[in-house]
């Protein structure tokens, strides 16, 4: 179980969470604001805009797992 879909795309089984790319964008914005002499304590806490469920069926097959059809239907992305 991973926190972002990039790990599933690299061969992991399942993930539920935000995107690493979005996280890096947020980090860049924070860094820019801090470098502009804004106080870090004044920066808001930001969550991912979207949270997605991704499942890698190839990994499931290699592990000998059968993913229930209901879970596959709920997934935002299924990698075959």
PDB file of N, CA and C in Angstrom:
ATOM      1  N   UNK A   1       0.851  -1.165   0.000  1.00  0.00           N
ATOM      2  CA  UNK A   1       0.000   0.000   0.000  1.00  0.00           C
ATOM      3  C   UNK A   1       0.900   1.231   0.000  1.00  0.00           C
ATOM      4  N   UNK A   2       0.648   2.121  -0.938  1.00  0.00           N
ATOM      5  CA  UNK A   2       1.450   3.336  -1.080  1.00  0.00           C
ATOM      6  C   UNK A   2       0.565   4.564  -0.976  1.00  0.00           C
ATOM      7  N   UNK A   3       1.211   5.688  -0.807  1.00  0.00           N
ATOM      8  CA  UNK A   3       0.463   6.937  -0.640  1.00  0.00           C
ATOM      9  C   UNK A   3       0.293   7.716  -1.939  1.00  0.00           C
ATOM     10  N   UNK A   4       0.919   7.281  -3.029  1.00  0.00           N
ATOM     11  CA  UNK A   4       0.737   7.987  -4.299  1.00  0.00           C
ATOM     12  C   UNK A   4       0.821   7.017  -5.474  1.00  0.00           C
ATOM     13  N   UNK A   5       0.139   7.367  -6.560  1.00  0.00           N
ATOM     14  CA  UNK A   5      -0.003   6.480  -7.713  1.00  0.00           C
ATOM     15  C   UNK A   5       1.304   6.237  -8.441  1.00  0.00           C
ATOM     16  N   UNK A   6       2.276   7.104  -8.292  1.00  0.00           N
ATOM     17  CA  UNK A   6       3.552   6.926  -8.987  1.00  0.00           C
ATOM     18  C   UNK A   6       4.232   5.613  -8.580  1.00  0.00           C
ATOM     19  N   UNK A   7       4.040   5.200  -7.327  1.00  0.00           N
ATOM     20  CA  UNK A   7       4.617   3.930  -6.869  1.00  0.00           C
ATOM     21  C   UNK A   7       3.914   2.743  -7.515  1.00  0.00           C
ATOM     22  N   UNK A   8       2.622   2.865  -7.730  1.00  0.00           N
ATOM     23  CA  UNK A   8       1.858   1.800  -8.386  1.00  0.00           C
ATOM     24  C   UNK A   8       2.264   1.699  -9.853  1.00  0.00           C
ATOM     25  N   UNK A   9       2.473   2.836 -10.491  1.00  0.00           N
ATOM     26  CA  UNK A   9       2.912   2.840 -11.889  1.00  0.00           C
ATOM     27  C   UNK A   9       4.295   2.195 -12.015  1.00  0.00           C
ATOM     28  N   UNK A  10       5.088   2.251 -10.941  1.00  0.00           N
ATOM     29  CA  UNK A  10       6.432   1.659 -10.954  1.00  0.00           C
ATOM     30  C   UNK A  10       6.423   0.183 -10.558  1.00  0.00           C
ATOM     31  N   UNK A  11       5.244  -0.372 -10.243  1.00  0.00           N
ATOM     32  CA  UNK A  11       5.165  -1.794  -9.938  1.00  0.00           C
ATOM     33  C   UNK A  11       4.534  -2.138  -8.611  1.00  0.00           C
ATOM     34  N   UNK A  12       4.146  -1.144  -7.814  1.00  0.00           N
ATOM     35  CA  UNK A  12       3.493  -1.408  -6.532  1.00  0.00           C
ATOM     36  C   UNK A  12       2.077  -1.921  -6.729  1.00  0.00           C
ATOM     37  N   UNK A  13       1.486  -2.446  -5.675  1.00  0.00           N
ATOM     38  CA  UNK A  13       0.165  -3.061  -5.781  1.00  0.00           C
ATOM     39  C   UNK A  13      -0.976  -2.045  -5.772  1.00  0.00           C
ATOM     40  N   UNK A  14      -1.035  -1.199  -4.747  1.00  0.00           N
ATOM     41  CA  UNK A  14      -2.189  -0.319  -4.601  1.00  0.00           C
ATOM     42  C   UNK A  14      -1.770   0.971  -3.903  1.00  0.00           C
ATOM     43  N   UNK A  15      -2.442   2.049  -4.247  1.00  0.00           N
ATOM     44  CA  UNK A  15      -2.170   3.324  -3.578  1.00  0.00           C
ATOM     45  C   UNK A  15      -3.471   4.080  -3.378  1.00  0.00           C
ATOM     46  N   UNK A  16      -3.469   4.888  -2.325  1.00  0.00           N
ATOM     47  CA  UNK A  16      -4.599   5.773  -2.066  1.00  0.00           C
ATOM     48  C   UNK A  16      -4.012   7.051  -1.500  1.00  0.00           C
ATOM     49  N   UNK A  17      -4.058   8.102  -2.281  1.00  0.00           N
ATOM     50  CA  UNK A  17      -3.497   9.361  -1.814  1.00  0.00           C
ATOM     51  C   UNK A  17      -3.327  10.333  -2.960  1.00  0.00           C
ATOM     52  N   UNK A  18      -2.636  11.413  -2.650  1.00  0.00           N
ATOM     53  CA  UNK A  18      -2.384  12.457  -3.631  1.00  0.00           C
ATOM     54  C   UNK A  18      -1.205  12.126  -4.532  1.00  0.00           C
ATOM     55  N   UNK A  19      -0.941  13.003  -5.442  1.00  0.00           N
ATOM     56  CA  UNK A  19       0.132  12.829  -6.409  1.00  0.00           C
ATOM     57  C   UNK A  19       1.438  13.430  -5.887  1.00  0.00           C
ATOM     58  N   UNK A  20       2.545  12.736  -6.121  1.00  0.00           N
ATOM     59  CA  UNK A  20       3.857  13.282  -5.764  1.00  0.00           C
ATOM     60  C   UNK A  20       4.130  14.563  -6.539  1.00  0.00           C
ATOM     61  N   UNK A  21       3.716  14.609  -7.783  1.00  0.00           N
ATOM     62  CA  UNK A  21       3.942  15.787  -8.617  1.00  0.00           C
ATOM     63  C   UNK A  21       3.241  17.004  -8.008  1.00  0.00           C
ATOM     64  N   UNK A  22       2.004  16.825  -7.545  1.00  0.00           N
ATOM     65  CA  UNK A  22       1.298  17.922  -6.876  1.00  0.00           C
ATOM     66  C   UNK A  22       2.019  18.348  -5.601  1.00  0.00           C
ATOM     67  N   UNK A  23       2.525  17.373  -4.857  1.00  0.00           N
ATOM     68  CA  UNK A  23       3.271  17.689  -3.630  1.00  0.00           C
ATOM     69  C   UNK A  23       4.506  18.513  -3.944  1.00  0.00           C
ATOM     70  N   UNK A  24       5.224  18.144  -4.995  1.00  0.00           N
ATOM     71  CA  UNK A  24       6.417  18.902  -5.378  1.00  0.00           C
ATOM     72  C   UNK A  24       6.052  20.327  -5.806  1.00  0.00           C
ATOM     73  N   UNK A  25       4.931  20.489  -6.462  1.00  0.00           N
ATOM     74  CA  UNK A  25       4.486  21.836  -6.846  1.00  0.00           C
ATOM     75  C   UNK A  25       4.211  22.686  -5.609  1.00  0.00           C
ATOM     76  N   UNK A  26       3.543  22.077  -4.622  1.00  0.00           N
ATOM     77  CA  UNK A  26       3.271  22.800  -3.376  1.00  0.00           C
ATOM     78  C   UNK A  26       4.581  23.182  -2.686  1.00  0.00           C
ATOM     79  N   UNK A  27       5.533  22.275  -2.667  1.00  0.00           N
ATOM     80  CA  UNK A  27       6.832  22.555  -2.048  1.00  0.00           C
ATOM     81  C   UNK A  27       7.510  23.720  -2.757  1.00  0.00           C
ATOM     82  N   UNK A  28       7.441  23.746  -4.083  1.00  0.00           N
ATOM     83  CA  UNK A  28       8.033  24.848  -4.845  1.00  0.00           C
ATOM     84  C   UNK A  28       7.393  26.181  -4.508  1.00  0.00           C
ATOM     85  N   UNK A  29       6.065  26.176  -4.364  1.00  0.00           N
ATOM     86  CA  UNK A  29       5.365  27.418  -4.000  1.00  0.00           C
ATOM     87  C   UNK A  29       5.772  27.879  -2.602  1.00  0.00           C
ATOM     88  N   UNK A  30       5.850  26.933  -1.666  1.00  0.00           N
ATOM     89  CA  UNK A  30       6.285  27.275  -0.311  1.00  0.00           C
ATOM     90  C   UNK A  30       7.692  27.852  -0.330  1.00  0.00           C
ATOM     91  N   UNK A  31       8.590  27.191  -1.053  1.00  0.00           N
ATOM     92  CA  UNK A  31       9.982  27.666  -1.119  1.00  0.00           C
ATOM     93  C   UNK A  31      10.045  29.072  -1.701  1.00  0.00           C
ATOM     94  N   UNK A  32       9.282  29.318  -2.765  1.00  0.00           N
ATOM     95  CA  UNK A  32       9.256  30.654  -3.366  1.00  0.00           C
ATOM     96  C   UNK A  32       8.777  31.711  -2.397  1.00  0.00           C
ATOM     97  N   UNK A  33       7.758  31.375  -1.626  1.00  0.00           N
ATOM     98  CA  UNK A  33       7.227  32.343  -0.664  1.00  0.00           C
ATOM     99  C   UNK A  33       8.214  32.588   0.483  1.00  0.00           C
ATOM    100  N   UNK A  34       8.885  31.539   0.925  1.00  0.00           N
ATOM    101  CA  UNK A  34       9.882  31.693   1.992  1.00  0.00           C
ATOM    102  C   UNK A  34      11.073  32.501   1.490  1.00  0.00           C
ATOM    103  N   UNK A  35      11.499  32.241   0.249  1.00  0.00           N
ATOM    104  CA  UNK A  35      12.607  33.008  -0.321  1.00  0.00           C
ATOM    105  C   UNK A  35      12.230  34.471  -0.559  1.00  0.00           C
ATOM    106  N   UNK A  36      10.937  34.740  -0.640  1.00  0.00           N
ATOM    107  CA  UNK A  36      10.463  36.127  -0.759  1.00  0.00           C
ATOM    108  C   UNK A  36      10.284  36.765   0.616  1.00  0.00           C
ATOM    109  N   UNK A  37      10.869  36.141   1.609  1.00  0.00           N
ATOM    110  CA  UNK A  37      10.908  36.629   2.998  1.00  0.00           C
ATOM    111  C   UNK A  37       9.564  36.579   3.722  1.00  0.00           C
ATOM    112  N   UNK A  38       8.677  35.711   3.262  1.00  0.00           N
ATOM    113  CA  UNK A  38       7.430  35.508   3.992  1.00  0.00           C
ATOM    114  C   UNK A  38       7.720  34.536   5.142  1.00  0.00           C
ATOM    115  N   UNK A  39       7.118  34.777   6.276  1.00  0.00           N
ATOM    116  CA  UNK A  39       7.360  33.919   7.436  1.00  0.00           C
ATOM    117  C   UNK A  39       6.735  32.546   7.207  1.00  0.00           C
ATOM    118  N   UNK A  40       7.495  31.511   7.515  1.00  0.00           N
ATOM    119  CA  UNK A  40       6.995  30.144   7.349  1.00  0.00           C
ATOM    120  C   UNK A  40       5.773  29.899   8.235  1.00  0.00           C
ATOM    121  N   UNK A  41       5.724  30.540   9.388  1.00  0.00           N
ATOM    122  CA  UNK A  41       4.584  30.352  10.293  1.00  0.00           C
ATOM    123  C   UNK A  41       3.290  30.944   9.733  1.00  0.00           C
ATOM    124  N   UNK A  42       3.397  31.818   8.736  1.00  0.00           N
ATOM    125  CA  UNK A  42       2.207  32.415   8.119  1.00  0.00           C
ATOM    126  C   UNK A  42       1.682  31.625   6.932  1.00  0.00           C
ATOM    127  N   UNK A  43       2.424  30.605   6.497  1.00  0.00           N
ATOM    128  CA  UNK A  43       2.002  29.819   5.337  1.00  0.00           C
ATOM    129  C   UNK A  43       0.915  28.824   5.744  1.00  0.00           C
ATOM    130  N   UNK A  44      -0.105  28.681   4.918  1.00  0.00           N
ATOM    131  CA  UNK A  44      -1.185  27.757   5.259  1.00  0.00           C
ATOM    132  C   UNK A  44      -0.775  26.303   5.024  1.00  0.00           C
ATOM    133  N   UNK A  45      -1.449  25.418   5.730  1.00  0.00           N
ATOM    134  CA  UNK A  45      -1.284  23.986   5.491  1.00  0.00           C
ATOM    135  C   UNK A  45      -2.131  23.644   4.268  1.00  0.00           C
ATOM    136  N   UNK A  46      -1.539  22.964   3.299  1.00  0.00           N
ATOM    137  CA  UNK A  46      -2.236  22.660   2.054  1.00  0.00           C
ATOM    138  C   UNK A  46      -2.327  21.153   1.878  1.00  0.00           C
ATOM    139  N   UNK A  47      -3.505  20.679   1.512  1.00  0.00           N
ATOM    140  CA  UNK A  47      -3.709  19.269   1.216  1.00  0.00           C
ATOM    141  C   UNK A  47      -3.774  19.072  -0.289  1.00  0.00           C
ATOM    142  N   UNK A  48      -3.598  17.831  -0.711  1.00  0.00           N
ATOM    143  CA  UNK A  48      -3.706  17.518  -2.133  1.00  0.00           C
ATOM    144  C   UNK A  48      -5.102  17.864  -2.633  1.00  0.00           C
ATOM    145  N   UNK A  49      -5.157  18.336  -3.878  1.00  0.00           N
ATOM    146  CA  UNK A  49      -6.444  18.697  -4.475  1.00  0.00           C
ATOM    147  C   UNK A  49      -7.293  17.476  -4.768  1.00  0.00           C
ATOM    148  N   UNK A  50      -6.652  16.388  -5.132  1.00  0.00           N
ATOM    149  CA  UNK A  50      -7.401  15.176  -5.422  1.00  0.00           C
ATOM    150  C   UNK A  50      -6.699  13.975  -4.819  1.00  0.00           C
ATOM    151  N   UNK A  51      -7.498  13.062  -4.338  1.00  0.00           N
ATOM    152  CA  UNK A  51      -6.993  11.818  -3.773  1.00  0.00           C
ATOM    153  C   UNK A  51      -7.532  10.702  -4.648  1.00  0.00           C
ATOM    154  N   UNK A  52      -6.645   9.810  -5.069  1.00  0.00           N
ATOM    155  CA  UNK A  52      -7.042   8.786  -6.021  1.00  0.00           C
ATOM    156  C   UNK A  52      -6.648   7.391  -5.533  1.00  0.00           C
ATOM    157  N   UNK A  53      -7.435   6.411  -5.930  1.00  0.00           N
ATOM    158  CA  UNK A  53      -7.159   5.008  -5.666  1.00  0.00           C
ATOM    159  C   UNK A  53      -6.628   4.405  -6.959  1.00  0.00           C
ATOM    160  N   UNK A  54      -5.429   3.833  -6.913  1.00  0.00           N
ATOM    161  CA  UNK A  54      -4.824   3.200  -8.092  1.00  0.00           C
ATOM    162  C   UNK A  54      -4.475   1.756  -7.755  1.00  0.00           C
ATOM    163  N   UNK A  55      -4.725   0.862  -8.696  1.00  0.00           N
ATOM    164  CA  UNK A  55      -4.476  -0.567  -8.498  1.00  0.00           C
ATOM    165  C   UNK A  55      -3.687  -1.099  -9.683  1.00  0.00           C
ATOM    166  N   UNK A  56      -2.661  -1.884  -9.399  1.00  0.00           N
ATOM    167  CA  UNK A  56      -1.838  -2.506 -10.431  1.00  0.00           C
ATOM    168  C   UNK A  56      -2.203  -3.990 -10.491  1.00  0.00           C
ATOM    169  N   UNK A  57      -2.907  -4.398 -11.554  1.00  0.00           N
ATOM    170  CA  UNK A  57      -3.335  -5.789 -11.680  1.00  0.00           C
ATOM    171  C   UNK A  57      -2.176  -6.735 -11.962  1.00  0.00           C
ATOM    172  N   UNK A  58      -1.127  -6.248 -12.612  1.00  0.00           N
ATOM    173  CA  UNK A  58       0.044  -7.092 -12.851  1.00  0.00           C
ATOM    174  C   UNK A  58       0.710  -7.477 -11.530  1.00  0.00           C
ATOM    175  N   UNK A  59       0.831  -6.529 -10.633  1.00  0.00           N
ATOM    176  CA  UNK A  59       1.421  -6.804  -9.320  1.00  0.00           C
ATOM    177  C   UNK A  59       0.542  -7.771  -8.534  1.00  0.00           C
ATOM    178  N   UNK A  60      -0.779  -7.588  -8.610  1.00  0.00           N
ATOM    179  CA  UNK A  60      -1.708  -8.480  -7.916  1.00  0.00           C
ATOM    180  C   UNK A  60      -1.560  -9.906  -8.430  1.00  0.00           C
ATOM    181  N   UNK A  61      -1.432 -10.050  -9.733  1.00  0.00           N
ATOM    182  CA  UNK A  61      -1.281 -11.375 -10.337  1.00  0.00           C
ATOM    183  C   UNK A  61       0.017 -12.035  -9.872  1.00  0.00           C
ATOM    184  N   UNK A  62       1.106 -11.268  -9.843  1.00  0.00           N
ATOM    185  CA  UNK A  62       2.393 -11.816  -9.401  1.00  0.00           C
ATOM    186  C   UNK A  62       2.359 -12.237  -7.939  1.00  0.00           C
ATOM    187  N   UNK A  63       1.553 -11.547  -7.136  1.00  0.00           N
ATOM    188  CA  UNK A  63       1.423 -11.887  -5.720  1.00  0.00           C
ATOM    189  C   UNK A  63       0.370 -12.960  -5.472  1.00  0.00           C
ATOM    190  N   UNK A  64      -0.340 -13.353  -6.526  1.00  0.00           N
ATOM    191  CA  UNK A  64      -1.378 -14.367  -6.401  1.00  0.00           C
ATOM    192  C   UNK A  64      -2.642 -13.837  -5.732  1.00  0.00           C
ATOM    193  N   UNK A  65      -2.903 -12.555  -5.889  1.00  0.00           N
ATOM    194  CA  UNK A  65      -4.076 -11.928  -5.283  1.00  0.00           C
ATOM    195  C   UNK A  65      -5.158 -11.679  -6.319  1.00  0.00           C
ATOM    196  N   UNK A  66      -6.386 -11.820  -5.907  1.00  0.00           N
ATOM    197  CA  UNK A  66      -7.514 -11.470  -6.776  1.00  0.00           C
ATOM    198  C   UNK A  66      -8.185 -10.242  -6.174  1.00  0.00           C
ATOM    199  N   UNK A  67      -8.215  -9.171  -6.931  1.00  0.00           N
ATOM    200  CA  UNK A  67      -8.811  -7.923  -6.464  1.00  0.00           C
ATOM    201  C   UNK A  67     -10.322  -8.005  -6.697  1.00  0.00           C
ATOM    202  N   UNK A  68     -11.134  -7.760  -5.677  1.00  0.00           N
ATOM    203  CA  UNK A  68     -12.590  -7.826  -5.847  1.00  0.00           C
ATOM    204  C   UNK A  68     -13.077  -6.827  -6.903  1.00  0.00           C
ATOM    205  N   UNK A  69     -14.097  -7.236  -7.637  1.00  0.00           N
ATOM    206  CA  UNK A  69     -14.651  -6.405  -8.706  1.00  0.00           C
ATOM    207  C   UNK A  69     -15.158  -5.071  -8.168  1.00  0.00           C
ATOM    208  N   UNK A  70     -15.699  -5.062  -6.976  1.00  0.00           N
ATOM    209  CA  UNK A  70     -16.210  -3.813  -6.362  1.00  0.00           C
ATOM    210  C   UNK A  70     -15.085  -2.814  -6.146  1.00  0.00           C
ATOM    211  N   UNK A  71     -13.932  -3.301  -5.688  1.00  0.00           N
ATOM    212  CA  UNK A  71     -12.784  -2.421  -5.476  1.00  0.00           C
ATOM    213  C   UNK A  71     -12.258  -1.901  -6.811  1.00  0.00           C
ATOM    214  N   UNK A  72     -12.227  -2.747  -7.830  1.00  0.00           N
ATOM    215  CA  UNK A  72     -11.797  -2.311  -9.161  1.00  0.00           C
ATOM    216  C   UNK A  72     -12.739  -1.245  -9.716  1.00  0.00           C
ATOM    217  N   UNK A  73     -14.033  -1.382  -9.441  1.00  0.00           N
ATOM    218  CA  UNK A  73     -15.016  -0.399  -9.918  1.00  0.00           C
ATOM    219  C   UNK A  73     -14.832   0.945  -9.221  1.00  0.00           C
ATOM    220  N   UNK A  74     -14.369   0.939  -7.987  1.00  0.00           N
ATOM    221  CA  UNK A  74     -14.169   2.169  -7.226  1.00  0.00           C
ATOM    222  C   UNK A  74     -12.848   2.858  -7.562  1.00  0.00           C
ATOM    223  N   UNK A  75     -11.918   2.130  -8.153  1.00  0.00           N
ATOM    224  CA  UNK A  75     -10.595   2.662  -8.430  1.00  0.00           C
ATOM    225  C   UNK A  75     -10.638   3.776  -9.469  1.00  0.00           C
ATOM    226  N   UNK A  76      -9.821   4.806  -9.238  1.00  0.00           N
ATOM    227  CA  UNK A  76      -9.703   5.886 -10.201  1.00  0.00           C
ATOM    228  C   UNK A  76      -8.812   5.482 -11.372  1.00  0.00           C
ATOM    229  N   UNK A  77      -7.884   4.559 -11.113  1.00  0.00           N
ATOM    230  CA  UNK A  77      -6.980   4.084 -12.157  1.00  0.00           C
ATOM    231  C   UNK A  77      -6.648   2.622 -11.911  1.00  0.00           C
ATOM    232  N   UNK A  78      -6.774   1.808 -12.967  1.00  0.00           N
ATOM    233  CA  UNK A  78      -6.404   0.404 -12.905  1.00  0.00           C
ATOM    234  C   UNK A  78      -5.342   0.180 -13.967  1.00  0.00           C
ATOM    235  N   UNK A  79      -4.161  -0.256 -13.520  1.00  0.00           N
ATOM    236  CA  UNK A  79      -3.048  -0.524 -14.437  1.00  0.00           C
ATOM    237  C   UNK A  79      -3.050  -2.012 -14.730  1.00  0.00           C
ATOM    238  N   UNK A  80      -3.157  -2.344 -16.014  1.00  0.00           N
ATOM    239  CA  UNK A  80      -3.242  -3.768 -16.395  1.00  0.00           C
ATOM    240  C   UNK A  80      -1.946  -4.302 -16.891  1.00  0.00           C
TER     241      UNK A  80
END
